[in-house]
Amino acid sequence: MSHSKTKAEAASPVDAAALEETIAYLAKRHRVSQAIVREIARKLGSGERTAIEREIARGKARR
């Protein structure tokens, strides 16, 4: 059984660094932990900032 790489593992180090920078920025801006932002990005399958922000806003509206 072969092991396939996840999107984070397959991404180049430059992309990974940019994604981590975006995650840190969004976590600080929305006052949530970086782990939550990472989980949202993983669930969406996208590192797109606006998509992550929409999902954070939806989550806050549920509280």
N, C-alpha and C. Protein backbone atom coordinates (compact mmCIF):
# COMPACT_ATOMS: atom_id res chain seq x y z
N MET A 1 0.85 -1.18 0.00
CA MET A 1 0.00 0.00 0.00
C MET A 1 0.89 1.24 0.00
N SER A 2 0.72 2.08 -0.98
CA SER A 2 1.58 3.26 -1.08
C SER A 2 1.03 4.41 -0.26
N HIS A 3 1.94 5.24 0.16
CA HIS A 3 1.58 6.42 0.95
C HIS A 3 1.56 7.64 0.05
N SER A 4 0.41 8.27 -0.08
CA SER A 4 0.35 9.48 -0.91
C SER A 4 0.56 10.70 -0.05
N LYS A 5 1.22 11.68 -0.61
CA LYS A 5 1.49 12.90 0.13
C LYS A 5 0.24 13.76 0.22
N THR A 6 0.09 14.43 1.34
CA THR A 6 -1.02 15.37 1.47
C THR A 6 -0.66 16.64 0.74
N LYS A 7 -1.61 17.53 0.59
CA LYS A 7 -1.34 18.78 -0.13
C LYS A 7 -0.26 19.59 0.55
N ALA A 8 -0.23 19.61 1.87
CA ALA A 8 0.77 20.38 2.60
C ALA A 8 2.17 19.80 2.36
N GLU A 9 2.27 18.47 2.31
CA GLU A 9 3.57 17.83 2.08
C GLU A 9 4.02 18.01 0.64
N ALA A 10 3.09 18.08 -0.29
CA ALA A 10 3.43 18.18 -1.70
C ALA A 10 3.77 19.61 -2.10
N ALA A 11 3.37 20.58 -1.30
CA ALA A 11 3.63 21.99 -1.62
C ALA A 11 5.11 22.31 -1.48
N SER A 12 5.54 23.28 -2.26
CA SER A 12 6.94 23.70 -2.17
C SER A 12 7.16 24.46 -0.87
N PRO A 13 8.40 24.52 -0.40
CA PRO A 13 8.69 25.24 0.86
C PRO A 13 8.29 26.71 0.81
N VAL A 14 8.38 27.34 -0.35
CA VAL A 14 8.00 28.74 -0.48
C VAL A 14 6.50 28.89 -0.25
N ASP A 15 5.71 28.01 -0.87
CA ASP A 15 4.26 28.04 -0.69
C ASP A 15 3.89 27.75 0.76
N ALA A 16 4.58 26.80 1.38
CA ALA A 16 4.31 26.45 2.77
C ALA A 16 4.60 27.63 3.69
N ALA A 17 5.69 28.34 3.42
CA ALA A 17 6.03 29.51 4.24
C ALA A 17 4.99 30.61 4.07
N ALA A 18 4.54 30.83 2.86
CA ALA A 18 3.51 31.85 2.60
C ALA A 18 2.20 31.47 3.28
N LEU A 19 1.86 30.19 3.24
CA LEU A 19 0.63 29.73 3.89
C LEU A 19 0.72 29.90 5.40
N GLU A 20 1.86 29.57 5.99
CA GLU A 20 2.04 29.74 7.44
C GLU A 20 1.95 31.22 7.82
N GLU A 21 2.49 32.09 6.98
CA GLU A 21 2.41 33.52 7.24
C GLU A 21 0.95 33.99 7.19
N THR A 22 0.20 33.49 6.22
CA THR A 22 -1.21 33.83 6.11
C THR A 22 -1.99 33.31 7.30
N ILE A 23 -1.68 32.09 7.73
CA ILE A 23 -2.36 31.49 8.88
C ILE A 23 -2.10 32.32 10.14
N ALA A 24 -0.86 32.72 10.34
CA ALA A 24 -0.53 33.54 11.52
C ALA A 24 -1.26 34.87 11.48
N TYR A 25 -1.31 35.48 10.29
CA TYR A 25 -1.99 36.76 10.15
C TYR A 25 -3.49 36.62 10.46
N LEU A 26 -4.13 35.61 9.88
CA LEU A 26 -5.57 35.43 10.08
C LEU A 26 -5.90 35.07 11.52
N ALA A 27 -5.06 34.26 12.13
CA ALA A 27 -5.29 33.89 13.53
C ALA A 27 -5.24 35.12 14.43
N LYS A 28 -4.28 35.97 14.20
CA LYS A 28 -4.15 37.18 15.01
C LYS A 28 -5.30 38.15 14.72
N ARG A 29 -5.64 38.30 13.46
CA ARG A 29 -6.70 39.24 13.07
C ARG A 29 -8.06 38.85 13.62
N HIS A 30 -8.36 37.54 13.59
CA HIS A 30 -9.68 37.07 14.01
C HIS A 30 -9.70 36.53 15.44
N ARG A 31 -8.56 36.62 16.11
CA ARG A 31 -8.42 36.19 17.50
C ARG A 31 -8.85 34.74 17.72
N VAL A 32 -8.33 33.88 16.87
CA VAL A 32 -8.50 32.43 17.02
C VAL A 32 -7.12 31.81 16.97
N SER A 33 -7.02 30.57 17.39
CA SER A 33 -5.71 29.93 17.39
C SER A 33 -5.28 29.55 15.97
N GLN A 34 -3.98 29.44 15.79
CA GLN A 34 -3.44 29.05 14.49
C GLN A 34 -3.89 27.64 14.11
N ALA A 35 -4.07 26.79 15.11
CA ALA A 35 -4.52 25.42 14.84
C ALA A 35 -5.91 25.41 14.21
N ILE A 36 -6.78 26.30 14.66
CA ILE A 36 -8.12 26.38 14.10
C ILE A 36 -8.06 26.85 12.66
N VAL A 37 -7.24 27.85 12.39
CA VAL A 37 -7.10 28.37 11.02
C VAL A 37 -6.51 27.29 10.11
N ARG A 38 -5.52 26.54 10.61
CA ARG A 38 -4.93 25.44 9.82
C ARG A 38 -5.98 24.38 9.50
N GLU A 39 -6.81 24.05 10.48
CA GLU A 39 -7.86 23.04 10.28
C GLU A 39 -8.87 23.51 9.24
N ILE A 40 -9.24 24.78 9.29
CA ILE A 40 -10.17 25.33 8.30
C ILE A 40 -9.56 25.27 6.91
N ALA A 41 -8.29 25.67 6.79
CA ALA A 41 -7.59 25.63 5.49
C ALA A 41 -7.50 24.20 4.98
N ARG A 42 -7.23 23.26 5.86
CA ARG A 42 -7.14 21.85 5.45
C ARG A 42 -8.50 21.35 4.99
N LYS A 43 -9.54 21.70 5.73
CA LYS A 43 -10.89 21.26 5.39
C LYS A 43 -11.34 21.84 4.05
N LEU A 44 -11.01 23.11 3.80
CA LEU A 44 -11.39 23.74 2.55
C LEU A 44 -10.52 23.27 1.39
N GLY A 45 -9.31 22.81 1.72
CA GLY A 45 -8.39 22.38 0.67
C GLY A 45 -7.80 23.56 -0.08
N SER A 46 -7.85 24.72 0.56
CA SER A 46 -7.38 25.93 -0.09
C SER A 46 -6.69 26.82 0.92
N GLY A 47 -5.66 27.50 0.48
CA GLY A 47 -4.99 28.46 1.33
C GLY A 47 -5.45 29.88 1.01
N GLU A 48 -6.54 29.97 0.26
CA GLU A 48 -7.04 31.27 -0.15
C GLU A 48 -7.58 32.04 1.06
N ARG A 49 -7.04 33.21 1.27
CA ARG A 49 -7.34 34.01 2.47
C ARG A 49 -8.83 34.31 2.59
N THR A 50 -9.48 34.72 1.51
CA THR A 50 -10.89 35.12 1.60
C THR A 50 -11.79 33.94 1.95
N ALA A 51 -11.48 32.77 1.41
CA ALA A 51 -12.28 31.59 1.73
C ALA A 51 -12.14 31.22 3.20
N ILE A 52 -10.93 31.31 3.73
CA ILE A 52 -10.70 31.00 5.14
C ILE A 52 -11.42 32.02 6.03
N GLU A 53 -11.36 33.29 5.64
CA GLU A 53 -12.04 34.34 6.42
C GLU A 53 -13.55 34.13 6.44
N ARG A 54 -14.13 33.74 5.30
CA ARG A 54 -15.57 33.46 5.27
C ARG A 54 -15.93 32.34 6.22
N GLU A 55 -15.13 31.28 6.24
CA GLU A 55 -15.40 30.15 7.11
C GLU A 55 -15.23 30.52 8.59
N ILE A 56 -14.25 31.36 8.91
CA ILE A 56 -14.08 31.84 10.29
C ILE A 56 -15.31 32.64 10.70
N ALA A 57 -15.80 33.51 9.81
CA ALA A 57 -16.99 34.32 10.10
C ALA A 57 -18.21 33.43 10.32
N ARG A 58 -18.35 32.38 9.51
CA ARG A 58 -19.47 31.44 9.71
C ARG A 58 -19.37 30.76 11.07
N GLY A 59 -18.17 30.36 11.43
CA GLY A 59 -17.97 29.70 12.71
C GLY A 59 -18.28 30.62 13.87
N LYS A 60 -17.89 31.88 13.77
CA LYS A 60 -18.19 32.85 14.84
C LYS A 60 -19.68 33.12 14.93
N ALA A 61 -20.37 33.10 13.79
CA ALA A 61 -21.82 33.34 13.79
C ALA A 61 -22.57 32.19 14.48
N ARG A 62 -21.99 31.01 14.47
CA ARG A 62 -22.63 29.84 15.10
C ARG A 62 -22.55 29.87 16.61
N ARG A 63 -21.62 30.66 17.16
CA ARG A 63 -21.43 30.68 18.61
C ARG A 63 -22.57 31.35 19.33
